[in-house]
Amino acid sequence: MNTNKDLLSKGIKYITISLPCLFIGPAVIHFAFINKLQTLYYLILAIGIGICITAMIMLFKGLNTIMKSLFNK
């Protein structure tokens, strides 16, 4: 069973992009909930939710790409 190394490295890059977002997103959401009385509450909350969604999408794409490289589909 041969592994496509170019595709594997691309999948690992997707996962390395998603890992910081997995920690930064919930921290930003927590920061938004702490400061509910601020005027930028909804903007900071939307940014945090966007970071979390980006992290989930990138993690899915990374795992999907790694599976494609391992099983040659």
PDB file of N, CA and C in Angstrom:
ATOM      1  N   MET A   1       0.850  -1.177   0.000  1.00  0.00           N
ATOM      2  CA  MET A   1       0.000   0.000   0.000  1.00  0.00           C
ATOM      3  C   MET A   1       0.896   1.240   0.000  1.00  0.00           C
ATOM      4  N   ASN A   2       0.842   1.991  -1.062  1.00  0.00           N
ATOM      5  CA  ASN A   2       1.645   3.203  -1.187  1.00  0.00           C
ATOM      6  C   ASN A   2       0.862   4.406  -0.690  1.00  0.00           C
ATOM      7  N   THR A   3       1.603   5.340  -0.111  1.00  0.00           N
ATOM      8  CA  THR A   3       0.989   6.559   0.405  1.00  0.00           C
ATOM      9  C   THR A   3       1.394   7.721  -0.489  1.00  0.00           C
ATOM     10  N   ASN A   4       0.422   8.516  -0.886  1.00  0.00           N
ATOM     11  CA  ASN A   4       0.695   9.716  -1.665  1.00  0.00           C
ATOM     12  C   ASN A   4       1.206  10.785  -0.698  1.00  0.00           C
ATOM     13  N   LYS A   5       2.525  11.011  -0.700  1.00  0.00           N
ATOM     14  CA  LYS A   5       3.133  11.899   0.295  1.00  0.00           C
ATOM     15  C   LYS A   5       2.776  13.362   0.092  1.00  0.00           C
ATOM     16  N   ASP A   6       2.558  13.773  -1.151  1.00  0.00           N
ATOM     17  CA  ASP A   6       2.164  15.168  -1.396  1.00  0.00           C
ATOM     18  C   ASP A   6       0.774  15.441  -0.821  1.00  0.00           C
ATOM     19  N   LEU A   7      -0.127  14.517  -1.027  1.00  0.00           N
ATOM     20  CA  LEU A   7      -1.484  14.669  -0.499  1.00  0.00           C
ATOM     21  C   LEU A   7      -1.492  14.561   1.023  1.00  0.00           C
ATOM     22  N   LEU A   8      -0.632  13.708   1.567  1.00  0.00           N
ATOM     23  CA  LEU A   8      -0.528  13.572   3.021  1.00  0.00           C
ATOM     24  C   LEU A   8      -0.015  14.859   3.660  1.00  0.00           C
ATOM     25  N   SER A   9       0.984  15.479   3.042  1.00  0.00           N
ATOM     26  CA  SER A   9       1.507  16.733   3.597  1.00  0.00           C
ATOM     27  C   SER A   9       0.474  17.850   3.503  1.00  0.00           C
ATOM     28  N   LYS A  10      -0.338  17.831   2.452  1.00  0.00           N
ATOM     29  CA  LYS A  10      -1.407  18.823   2.329  1.00  0.00           C
ATOM     30  C   LYS A  10      -2.440  18.649   3.437  1.00  0.00           C
ATOM     31  N   GLY A  11      -2.791  17.396   3.763  1.00  0.00           N
ATOM     32  CA  GLY A  11      -3.724  17.131   4.849  1.00  0.00           C
ATOM     33  C   GLY A  11      -3.173  17.543   6.203  1.00  0.00           C
ATOM     34  N   ILE A  12      -1.887  17.319   6.399  1.00  0.00           N
ATOM     35  CA  ILE A  12      -1.260  17.719   7.667  1.00  0.00           C
ATOM     36  C   ILE A  12      -1.230  19.239   7.786  1.00  0.00           C
ATOM     37  N   LYS A  13      -1.047  19.934   6.673  1.00  0.00           N
ATOM     38  CA  LYS A  13      -1.087  21.403   6.705  1.00  0.00           C
ATOM     39  C   LYS A  13      -2.472  21.906   7.107  1.00  0.00           C
ATOM     40  N   TYR A  14      -3.518  21.266   6.576  1.00  0.00           N
ATOM     41  CA  TYR A  14      -4.873  21.652   6.965  1.00  0.00           C
ATOM     42  C   TYR A  14      -5.085  21.462   8.468  1.00  0.00           C
ATOM     43  N   ILE A  15      -4.597  20.361   8.994  1.00  0.00           N
ATOM     44  CA  ILE A  15      -4.785  20.094  10.423  1.00  0.00           C
ATOM     45  C   ILE A  15      -3.973  21.064  11.276  1.00  0.00           C
ATOM     46  N   THR A  16      -2.753  21.408  10.833  1.00  0.00           N
ATOM     47  CA  THR A  16      -1.962  22.364  11.610  1.00  0.00           C
ATOM     48  C   THR A  16      -2.581  23.758  11.593  1.00  0.00           C
ATOM     49  N   ILE A  17      -3.312  24.089  10.541  1.00  0.00           N
ATOM     50  CA  ILE A  17      -4.020  25.372  10.520  1.00  0.00           C
ATOM     51  C   ILE A  17      -5.206  25.325  11.485  1.00  0.00           C
ATOM     52  N   SER A  18      -5.860  24.173  11.574  1.00  0.00           N
ATOM     53  CA  SER A  18      -7.060  24.087  12.402  1.00  0.00           C
ATOM     54  C   SER A  18      -6.754  24.007  13.897  1.00  0.00           C
ATOM     55  N   LEU A  19      -5.598  23.478  14.278  1.00  0.00           N
ATOM     56  CA  LEU A  19      -5.313  23.300  15.705  1.00  0.00           C
ATOM     57  C   LEU A  19      -5.279  24.605  16.505  1.00  0.00           C
ATOM     58  N   PRO A  20      -4.604  25.656  16.045  1.00  0.00           N
ATOM     59  CA  PRO A  20      -4.682  26.905  16.819  1.00  0.00           C
ATOM     60  C   PRO A  20      -6.098  27.468  16.881  1.00  0.00           C
ATOM     61  N   CYS A  21      -6.844  27.304  15.793  1.00  0.00           N
ATOM     62  CA  CYS A  21      -8.209  27.823  15.770  1.00  0.00           C
ATOM     63  C   CYS A  21      -9.103  27.084  16.768  1.00  0.00           C
ATOM     64  N   LEU A  22      -8.809  25.812  17.024  1.00  0.00           N
ATOM     65  CA  LEU A  22      -9.597  25.054  17.994  1.00  0.00           C
ATOM     66  C   LEU A  22      -9.455  25.611  19.407  1.00  0.00           C
ATOM     67  N   PHE A  23      -8.337  26.274  19.693  1.00  0.00           N
ATOM     68  CA  PHE A  23      -8.139  26.860  21.013  1.00  0.00           C
ATOM     69  C   PHE A  23      -8.482  28.346  21.043  1.00  0.00           C
ATOM     70  N   ILE A  24      -8.228  29.052  19.964  1.00  0.00           N
ATOM     71  CA  ILE A  24      -8.476  30.496  19.930  1.00  0.00           C
ATOM     72  C   ILE A  24      -9.973  30.800  19.864  1.00  0.00           C
ATOM     73  N   GLY A  25     -10.729  30.018  19.088  1.00  0.00           N
ATOM     74  CA  GLY A  25     -12.162  30.262  18.928  1.00  0.00           C
ATOM     75  C   GLY A  25     -12.938  30.244  20.232  1.00  0.00           C
ATOM     76  N   PRO A  26     -12.844  29.176  21.032  1.00  0.00           N
ATOM     77  CA  PRO A  26     -13.560  29.180  22.307  1.00  0.00           C
ATOM     78  C   PRO A  26     -13.067  30.257  23.281  1.00  0.00           C
ATOM     79  N   ALA A  27     -11.795  30.606  23.202  1.00  0.00           N
ATOM     80  CA  ALA A  27     -11.288  31.682  24.065  1.00  0.00           C
ATOM     81  C   ALA A  27     -11.927  33.021  23.689  1.00  0.00           C
ATOM     82  N   VAL A  28     -12.086  33.273  22.403  1.00  0.00           N
ATOM     83  CA  VAL A  28     -12.719  34.519  21.954  1.00  0.00           C
ATOM     84  C   VAL A  28     -14.193  34.533  22.337  1.00  0.00           C
ATOM     85  N   ILE A  29     -14.870  33.385  22.207  1.00  0.00           N
ATOM     86  CA  ILE A  29     -16.276  33.307  22.607  1.00  0.00           C
ATOM     87  C   ILE A  29     -16.414  33.547  24.112  1.00  0.00           C
ATOM     88  N   HIS A  30     -15.515  32.964  24.895  1.00  0.00           N
ATOM     89  CA  HIS A  30     -15.546  33.166  26.348  1.00  0.00           C
ATOM     90  C   HIS A  30     -15.305  34.644  26.680  1.00  0.00           C
ATOM     91  N   PHE A  31     -14.367  35.269  25.984  1.00  0.00           N
ATOM     92  CA  PHE A  31     -14.100  36.685  26.185  1.00  0.00           C
ATOM     93  C   PHE A  31     -15.326  37.528  25.854  1.00  0.00           C
ATOM     94  N   ALA A  32     -16.061  37.133  24.817  1.00  0.00           N
ATOM     95  CA  ALA A  32     -17.268  37.878  24.438  1.00  0.00           C
ATOM     96  C   ALA A  32     -18.340  37.742  25.518  1.00  0.00           C
ATOM     97  N   PHE A  33     -18.503  36.544  26.077  1.00  0.00           N
ATOM     98  CA  PHE A  33     -19.521  36.353  27.111  1.00  0.00           C
ATOM     99  C   PHE A  33     -19.161  37.040  28.428  1.00  0.00           C
ATOM    100  N   ILE A  34     -17.883  37.220  28.679  1.00  0.00           N
ATOM    101  CA  ILE A  34     -17.477  37.938  29.886  1.00  0.00           C
ATOM    102  C   ILE A  34     -17.849  39.419  29.767  1.00  0.00           C
ATOM    103  N   ASN A  35     -17.695  39.992  28.584  1.00  0.00           N
ATOM    104  CA  ASN A  35     -17.928  41.421  28.366  1.00  0.00           C
ATOM    105  C   ASN A  35     -19.242  41.665  27.638  1.00  0.00           C
ATOM    106  N   LYS A  36     -20.353  41.220  28.215  1.00  0.00           N
ATOM    107  CA  LYS A  36     -21.650  41.398  27.563  1.00  0.00           C
ATOM    108  C   LYS A  36     -22.098  42.851  27.484  1.00  0.00           C
ATOM    109  N   LEU A  37     -21.600  43.691  28.354  1.00  0.00           N
ATOM    110  CA  LEU A  37     -22.044  45.081  28.366  1.00  0.00           C
ATOM    111  C   LEU A  37     -21.281  45.956  27.382  1.00  0.00           C
ATOM    112  N   GLN A  38     -20.261  45.436  26.743  1.00  0.00           N
ATOM    113  CA  GLN A  38     -19.498  46.207  25.768  1.00  0.00           C
ATOM    114  C   GLN A  38     -20.301  46.370  24.482  1.00  0.00           C
ATOM    115  N   THR A  39     -19.967  47.389  23.725  1.00  0.00           N
ATOM    116  CA  THR A  39     -20.699  47.654  22.483  1.00  0.00           C
ATOM    117  C   THR A  39     -20.318  46.671  21.372  1.00  0.00           C
ATOM    118  N   LEU A  40     -19.151  46.086  21.447  1.00  0.00           N
ATOM    119  CA  LEU A  40     -18.687  45.168  20.406  1.00  0.00           C
ATOM    120  C   LEU A  40     -18.964  43.707  20.752  1.00  0.00           C
ATOM    121  N   TYR A  41     -19.903  43.456  21.651  1.00  0.00           N
ATOM    122  CA  TYR A  41     -20.201  42.096  22.101  1.00  0.00           C
ATOM    123  C   TYR A  41     -20.576  41.184  20.946  1.00  0.00           C
ATOM    124  N   TYR A  42     -21.502  41.621  20.106  1.00  0.00           N
ATOM    125  CA  TYR A  42     -21.977  40.764  19.019  1.00  0.00           C
ATOM    126  C   TYR A  42     -20.901  40.546  17.958  1.00  0.00           C
ATOM    127  N   LEU A  43     -20.074  41.555  17.722  1.00  0.00           N
ATOM    128  CA  LEU A  43     -18.998  41.417  16.746  1.00  0.00           C
ATOM    129  C   LEU A  43     -17.956  40.408  17.230  1.00  0.00           C
ATOM    130  N   ILE A  44     -17.553  40.507  18.479  1.00  0.00           N
ATOM    131  CA  ILE A  44     -16.566  39.581  19.022  1.00  0.00           C
ATOM    132  C   ILE A  44     -17.138  38.165  19.081  1.00  0.00           C
ATOM    133  N   LEU A  45     -18.404  38.034  19.431  1.00  0.00           N
ATOM    134  CA  LEU A  45     -19.045  36.721  19.451  1.00  0.00           C
ATOM    135  C   LEU A  45     -19.104  36.115  18.054  1.00  0.00           C
ATOM    136  N   ALA A  46     -19.424  36.926  17.059  1.00  0.00           N
ATOM    137  CA  ALA A  46     -19.472  36.437  15.674  1.00  0.00           C
ATOM    138  C   ALA A  46     -18.088  36.025  15.183  1.00  0.00           C
ATOM    139  N   ILE A  47     -17.075  36.770  15.558  1.00  0.00           N
ATOM    140  CA  ILE A  47     -15.705  36.409  15.173  1.00  0.00           C
ATOM    141  C   ILE A  47     -15.308  35.083  15.813  1.00  0.00           C
ATOM    142  N   GLY A  48     -15.638  34.891  17.080  1.00  0.00           N
ATOM    143  CA  GLY A  48     -15.326  33.633  17.760  1.00  0.00           C
ATOM    144  C   GLY A  48     -16.042  32.447  17.140  1.00  0.00           C
ATOM    145  N   ILE A  49     -17.305  32.628  16.808  1.00  0.00           N
ATOM    146  CA  ILE A  49     -18.065  31.547  16.162  1.00  0.00           C
ATOM    147  C   ILE A  49     -17.486  31.254  14.780  1.00  0.00           C
ATOM    148  N   GLY A  50     -17.086  32.292  14.067  1.00  0.00           N
ATOM    149  CA  GLY A  50     -16.463  32.105  12.754  1.00  0.00           C
ATOM    150  C   GLY A  50     -15.147  31.345  12.838  1.00  0.00           C
ATOM    151  N   ILE A  51     -14.356  31.641  13.864  1.00  0.00           N
ATOM    152  CA  ILE A  51     -13.097  30.922  14.054  1.00  0.00           C
ATOM    153  C   ILE A  51     -13.363  29.455  14.363  1.00  0.00           C
ATOM    154  N   CYS A  52     -14.369  29.183  15.189  1.00  0.00           N
ATOM    155  CA  CYS A  52     -14.703  27.789  15.521  1.00  0.00           C
ATOM    156  C   CYS A  52     -15.197  27.025  14.291  1.00  0.00           C
ATOM    157  N   ILE A  53     -16.020  27.655  13.477  1.00  0.00           N
ATOM    158  CA  ILE A  53     -16.516  26.998  12.264  1.00  0.00           C
ATOM    159  C   ILE A  53     -15.368  26.749  11.293  1.00  0.00           C
ATOM    160  N   THR A  54     -14.461  27.713  11.171  1.00  0.00           N
ATOM    161  CA  THR A  54     -13.291  27.540  10.318  1.00  0.00           C
ATOM    162  C   THR A  54     -12.437  26.374  10.796  1.00  0.00           C
ATOM    163  N   ALA A  55     -12.267  26.257  12.102  1.00  0.00           N
ATOM    164  CA  ALA A  55     -11.476  25.156  12.654  1.00  0.00           C
ATOM    165  C   ALA A  55     -12.108  23.807  12.342  1.00  0.00           C
ATOM    166  N   MET A  56     -13.425  23.712  12.465  1.00  0.00           N
ATOM    167  CA  MET A  56     -14.096  22.437  12.184  1.00  0.00           C
ATOM    168  C   MET A  56     -13.992  22.075  10.702  1.00  0.00           C
ATOM    169  N   ILE A  57     -14.159  23.059   9.831  1.00  0.00           N
ATOM    170  CA  ILE A  57     -14.074  22.796   8.392  1.00  0.00           C
ATOM    171  C   ILE A  57     -12.660  22.372   8.001  1.00  0.00           C
ATOM    172  N   MET A  58     -11.660  23.077   8.515  1.00  0.00           N
ATOM    173  CA  MET A  58     -10.280  22.738   8.184  1.00  0.00           C
ATOM    174  C   MET A  58      -9.885  21.371   8.740  1.00  0.00           C
ATOM    175  N   LEU A  59     -10.379  21.028   9.922  1.00  0.00           N
ATOM    176  CA  LEU A  59     -10.093  19.719  10.498  1.00  0.00           C
ATOM    177  C   LEU A  59     -10.724  18.621   9.656  1.00  0.00           C
ATOM    178  N   PHE A  60     -11.955  18.825   9.211  1.00  0.00           N
ATOM    179  CA  PHE A  60     -12.612  17.843   8.355  1.00  0.00           C
ATOM    180  C   PHE A  60     -11.870  17.689   7.027  1.00  0.00           C
ATOM    181  N   LYS A  61     -11.488  18.823   6.412  1.00  0.00           N
ATOM    182  CA  LYS A  61     -10.767  18.750   5.147  1.00  0.00           C
ATOM    183  C   LYS A  61      -9.417  18.059   5.319  1.00  0.00           C
ATOM    184  N   GLY A  62      -8.749  18.319   6.428  1.00  0.00           N
ATOM    185  CA  GLY A  62      -7.459  17.693   6.682  1.00  0.00           C
ATOM    186  C   GLY A  62      -7.569  16.193   6.855  1.00  0.00           C
ATOM    187  N   LEU A  63      -8.535  15.758   7.664  1.00  0.00           N
ATOM    188  CA  LEU A  63      -8.727  14.319   7.863  1.00  0.00           C
ATOM    189  C   LEU A  63      -9.173  13.636   6.580  1.00  0.00           C
ATOM    190  N   ASN A  64     -10.033  14.297   5.813  1.00  0.00           N
ATOM    191  CA  ASN A  64     -10.493  13.739   4.550  1.00  0.00           C
ATOM    192  C   ASN A  64      -9.326  13.602   3.567  1.00  0.00           C
ATOM    193  N   THR A  65      -8.456  14.595   3.510  1.00  0.00           N
ATOM    194  CA  THR A  65      -7.304  14.552   2.617  1.00  0.00           C
ATOM    195  C   THR A  65      -6.320  13.464   3.036  1.00  0.00           C
ATOM    196  N   ILE A  66      -6.115  13.308   4.339  1.00  0.00           N
ATOM    197  CA  ILE A  66      -5.217  12.255   4.824  1.00  0.00           C
ATOM    198  C   ILE A  66      -5.778  10.881   4.494  1.00  0.00           C
ATOM    199  N   MET A  67      -7.070  10.706   4.644  1.00  0.00           N
ATOM    200  CA  MET A  67      -7.679   9.413   4.296  1.00  0.00           C
ATOM    201  C   MET A  67      -7.545   9.124   2.797  1.00  0.00           C
ATOM    202  N   LYS A  68      -7.696  10.171   1.976  1.00  0.00           N
ATOM    203  CA  LYS A  68      -7.525   9.982   0.530  1.00  0.00           C
ATOM    204  C   LYS A  68      -6.087   9.596   0.194  1.00  0.00           C
ATOM    205  N   SER A  69      -5.137  10.186   0.907  1.00  0.00           N
ATOM    206  CA  SER A  69      -3.738   9.865   0.604  1.00  0.00           C
ATOM    207  C   SER A  69      -3.367   8.469   1.062  1.00  0.00           C
ATOM    208  N   LEU A  70      -3.977   7.997   2.142  1.00  0.00           N
ATOM    209  CA  LEU A  70      -3.646   6.654   2.639  1.00  0.00           C
ATOM    210  C   LEU A  70      -4.308   5.555   1.847  1.00  0.00           C
ATOM    211  N   PHE A  71      -5.527   5.779   1.414  1.00  0.00           N
ATOM    212  CA  PHE A  71      -6.283   4.710   0.748  1.00  0.00           C
ATOM    213  C   PHE A  71      -6.418   4.906  -0.747  1.00  0.00           C
ATOM    214  N   ASN A  72      -5.763   5.927  -1.311  1.00  0.00           N
ATOM    215  CA  ASN A  72      -5.699   6.174  -2.749  1.00  0.00           C
ATOM    216  C   ASN A  72      -7.069   6.215  -3.426  1.00  0.00           C
ATOM    217  N   LYS A  73      -7.976   6.989  -2.858  1.00  0.00           N
ATOM    218  CA  LYS A  73      -9.294   7.131  -3.480  1.00  0.00           C
ATOM    219  C   LYS A  73      -9.384   8.429  -4.216  1.00  0.00           C
TER     220      LYS A  73
END
